[in-house]
Amino acid sequence: MENRVEYLTSRDEDPTSYEIEIDLDELLDIEGDFNRKAWLGGKVIGAKKSQENVEKFISELLQRAKTL
């Protein structure tokens, strides 16, 4: 999952130009998928990739979080 975050937030010329941290415990403390999605969206607001890629990342992370 860390590689996906790096992919979403990197620029082609400098893959380490932007870093974010997602605390899964904090994510799991948030009530409801809508609120979790909004929180994650705020975390990846600076993503350099398409909105489609960002939405896919958020959906996958939410699905994985449900299994924890």
C-alpha atoms as a PDB file:
ATOM      1  CA  MET A   1       0.000   0.000   0.000  1.00  0.00           C
ATOM      2  CA  GLU A   2       2.919   2.328   0.712  1.00  0.00           C
ATOM      3  CA  ASN A   3       4.029   1.979  -2.902  1.00  0.00           C
ATOM      4  CA  ARG A   4       0.553   3.028  -4.065  1.00  0.00           C
ATOM      5  CA  VAL A   5       0.741   6.177  -1.932  1.00  0.00           C
ATOM      6  CA  GLU A   6       4.165   6.985  -3.372  1.00  0.00           C
ATOM      7  CA  TYR A   7       2.826   6.424  -6.893  1.00  0.00           C
ATOM      8  CA  LEU A   8      -0.152   8.716  -6.326  1.00  0.00           C
ATOM      9  CA  THR A   9       1.884  11.529  -4.873  1.00  0.00           C
ATOM     10  CA  SER A  10       5.033  11.380  -6.971  1.00  0.00           C
ATOM     11  CA  ARG A  11       5.973  13.445  -9.923  1.00  0.00           C
ATOM     12  CA  ASP A  12       7.540  11.623 -12.848  1.00  0.00           C
ATOM     13  CA  GLU A  13      10.829  13.475 -12.497  1.00  0.00           C
ATOM     14  CA  ASP A  14      11.110  13.165  -8.688  1.00  0.00           C
ATOM     15  CA  PRO A  15       9.357  10.158  -7.135  1.00  0.00           C
ATOM     16  CA  THR A  16      10.094  11.312  -3.564  1.00  0.00           C
ATOM     17  CA  SER A  17       8.923  14.909  -3.928  1.00  0.00           C
ATOM     18  CA  TYR A  18       5.784  14.552  -1.791  1.00  0.00           C
ATOM     19  CA  GLU A  19       5.164  12.308   1.189  1.00  0.00           C
ATOM     20  CA  ILE A  20       2.025  11.666   3.194  1.00  0.00           C
ATOM     21  CA  GLU A  21       1.357   9.514   6.201  1.00  0.00           C
ATOM     22  CA  ILE A  22      -1.861   7.592   6.665  1.00  0.00           C
ATOM     23  CA  ASP A  23      -2.446   6.343  10.200  1.00  0.00           C
ATOM     24  CA  LEU A  24      -4.627   3.241   9.863  1.00  0.00           C
ATOM     25  CA  ASP A  25      -5.609   3.362  13.536  1.00  0.00           C
ATOM     26  CA  GLU A  26      -6.878   6.886  13.042  1.00  0.00           C
ATOM     27  CA  LEU A  27      -8.719   5.815   9.886  1.00  0.00           C
ATOM     28  CA  LEU A  28     -10.381   2.934  11.708  1.00  0.00           C
ATOM     29  CA  ASP A  29     -11.495   5.254  14.527  1.00  0.00           C
ATOM     30  CA  ILE A  30     -13.568   7.269  12.037  1.00  0.00           C
ATOM     31  CA  GLU A  31     -17.236   6.294  11.846  1.00  0.00           C
ATOM     32  CA  GLY A  32     -18.637   5.296   8.460  1.00  0.00           C
ATOM     33  CA  ASP A  33     -17.250   4.885   4.963  1.00  0.00           C
ATOM     34  CA  PHE A  34     -18.333   8.357   3.843  1.00  0.00           C
ATOM     35  CA  ASN A  35     -16.352  10.028   6.626  1.00  0.00           C
ATOM     36  CA  ARG A  36     -13.376   7.714   6.099  1.00  0.00           C
ATOM     37  CA  LYS A  37     -13.384   8.474   2.365  1.00  0.00           C
ATOM     38  CA  ALA A  38     -13.486  12.211   3.067  1.00  0.00           C
ATOM     39  CA  TRP A  39     -10.611  11.913   5.550  1.00  0.00           C
ATOM     40  CA  LEU A  40      -8.506   9.939   3.079  1.00  0.00           C
ATOM     41  CA  GLY A  41      -9.357  12.390   0.309  1.00  0.00           C
ATOM     42  CA  GLY A  42      -7.963  15.170   2.462  1.00  0.00           C
ATOM     43  CA  LYS A  43      -4.764  13.208   2.980  1.00  0.00           C
ATOM     44  CA  VAL A  44      -4.119  12.697  -0.740  1.00  0.00           C
ATOM     45  CA  ILE A  45      -5.247  16.155  -1.841  1.00  0.00           C
ATOM     46  CA  GLY A  46      -1.815  16.824  -3.344  1.00  0.00           C
ATOM     47  CA  ALA A  47      -1.793  13.670  -5.467  1.00  0.00           C
ATOM     48  CA  LYS A  48      -0.188  14.193  -8.849  1.00  0.00           C
ATOM     49  CA  LYS A  49      -2.086  11.355 -10.538  1.00  0.00           C
ATOM     50  CA  SER A  50      -5.555  11.307 -12.076  1.00  0.00           C
ATOM     51  CA  GLN A  51      -8.681  11.526  -9.958  1.00  0.00           C
ATOM     52  CA  GLU A  52      -9.539   8.022 -11.169  1.00  0.00           C
ATOM     53  CA  ASN A  53      -6.292   6.650  -9.691  1.00  0.00           C
ATOM     54  CA  VAL A  54      -6.879   8.495  -6.429  1.00  0.00           C
ATOM     55  CA  GLU A  55     -10.437   7.142  -6.144  1.00  0.00           C
ATOM     56  CA  LYS A  56      -9.198   3.611  -6.862  1.00  0.00           C
ATOM     57  CA  PHE A  57      -6.541   3.931  -4.155  1.00  0.00           C
ATOM     58  CA  ILE A  58      -9.079   5.188  -1.613  1.00  0.00           C
ATOM     59  CA  SER A  59     -11.553   2.408  -2.447  1.00  0.00           C
ATOM     60  CA  GLU A  60      -8.869  -0.277  -2.162  1.00  0.00           C
ATOM     61  CA  LEU A  61      -7.618   1.102   1.131  1.00  0.00           C
ATOM     62  CA  LEU A  62     -11.130   1.247   2.573  1.00  0.00           C
ATOM     63  CA  GLN A  63     -11.742  -2.373   1.523  1.00  0.00           C
ATOM     64  CA  ARG A  64      -8.487  -3.489   3.144  1.00  0.00           C
ATOM     65  CA  ALA A  65      -9.241  -1.504   6.291  1.00  0.00           C
ATOM     66  CA  LYS A  66     -12.515  -3.414   6.703  1.00  0.00           C
ATOM     67  CA  THR A  67     -10.530  -6.633   7.043  1.00  0.00           C
ATOM     68  CA  LEU A  68      -8.446  -5.334   9.954  1.00  0.00           C
END
